[in-house]
């Protein structure tokens, strides 16, 4: 049985990946639904077609995989 990923769990996973609170999840409806996050440093928002892709997305500024 799959575990339901809540907004709080998704935020914790993102924080664990980055080492601190660089992004806040604004909208979260599940891993297969759209999600929006905001950078706490610059205030930019990033939209994802599926919540699960926020763990993989590379932004023009490096994002999760290159800071």
Protein backbone atom coordinates (compact mmCIF):
# COMPACT_ATOMS: atom_id res chain seq x y z
CA UNK A 1 0.00 0.00 0.00
CA UNK A 2 1.33 3.43 -0.94
CA UNK A 3 1.91 6.10 1.64
CA UNK A 4 0.00 9.35 1.04
CA UNK A 5 2.41 12.27 0.69
CA UNK A 6 0.99 15.24 2.59
CA UNK A 7 2.12 18.83 2.15
CA UNK A 8 4.03 18.57 5.43
CA UNK A 9 5.84 15.38 4.39
CA UNK A 10 6.70 16.87 0.98
CA UNK A 11 8.10 19.99 2.72
CA UNK A 12 10.19 17.82 5.05
CA UNK A 13 11.59 15.82 2.12
CA UNK A 14 12.53 19.02 0.31
CA UNK A 15 14.19 20.42 3.44
CA UNK A 16 16.13 17.16 3.90
CA UNK A 17 17.30 17.35 0.29
CA UNK A 18 18.51 20.93 0.56
CA UNK A 19 19.82 20.86 4.10
CA UNK A 20 17.73 23.86 5.22
CA UNK A 21 14.56 25.84 4.46
CA UNK A 22 15.24 27.43 1.06
CA UNK A 23 11.82 26.72 -0.47
CA UNK A 24 8.26 26.80 0.88
CA UNK A 25 5.52 24.71 -0.66
CA UNK A 26 2.63 27.04 -1.48
CA UNK A 27 0.24 24.60 -3.20
CA UNK A 28 0.30 20.83 -2.81
CA UNK A 29 -2.46 18.44 -3.87
CA UNK A 30 -0.46 15.21 -4.08
CA UNK A 31 2.37 13.77 -6.12
CA UNK A 32 0.35 13.45 -9.33
CA UNK A 33 -1.29 16.91 -9.10
CA UNK A 34 0.13 20.40 -9.73
CA UNK A 35 2.34 22.00 -7.07
CA UNK A 36 3.88 25.44 -6.51
CA UNK A 37 6.92 26.32 -4.42
CA UNK A 38 8.53 29.67 -3.50
CA UNK A 39 12.20 30.47 -2.94
CA UNK A 40 12.65 32.02 0.50
CA UNK A 41 15.74 33.92 -0.69
CA UNK A 42 14.50 35.70 -3.83
CA UNK A 43 10.74 35.16 -3.65
CA UNK A 44 10.43 33.55 -7.11
CA UNK A 45 7.82 30.84 -7.55
CA UNK A 46 8.18 27.62 -9.51
CA UNK A 47 5.18 25.67 -10.81
CA UNK A 48 5.22 21.91 -11.38
CA UNK A 49 2.72 19.92 -13.43
CA UNK A 50 3.12 17.07 -10.95
CA UNK A 51 4.24 17.41 -7.35
CA UNK A 52 6.66 14.50 -7.62
CA UNK A 53 8.76 16.34 -10.21
CA UNK A 54 9.77 19.07 -7.75
CA UNK A 55 12.38 16.66 -6.41
CA UNK A 56 13.94 16.42 -9.89
CA UNK A 57 13.51 19.90 -11.41
CA UNK A 58 16.56 21.93 -12.33
CA UNK A 59 15.92 25.65 -12.51
CA UNK A 60 17.92 28.15 -14.60
CA UNK A 61 19.71 29.16 -11.38
CA UNK A 62 20.63 25.62 -10.39
CA UNK A 63 17.65 24.71 -8.24
CA UNK A 64 17.70 21.55 -6.22
CA UNK A 65 20.40 19.78 -8.19
CA UNK A 66 23.05 22.43 -8.44
CA UNK A 67 22.48 25.41 -6.14
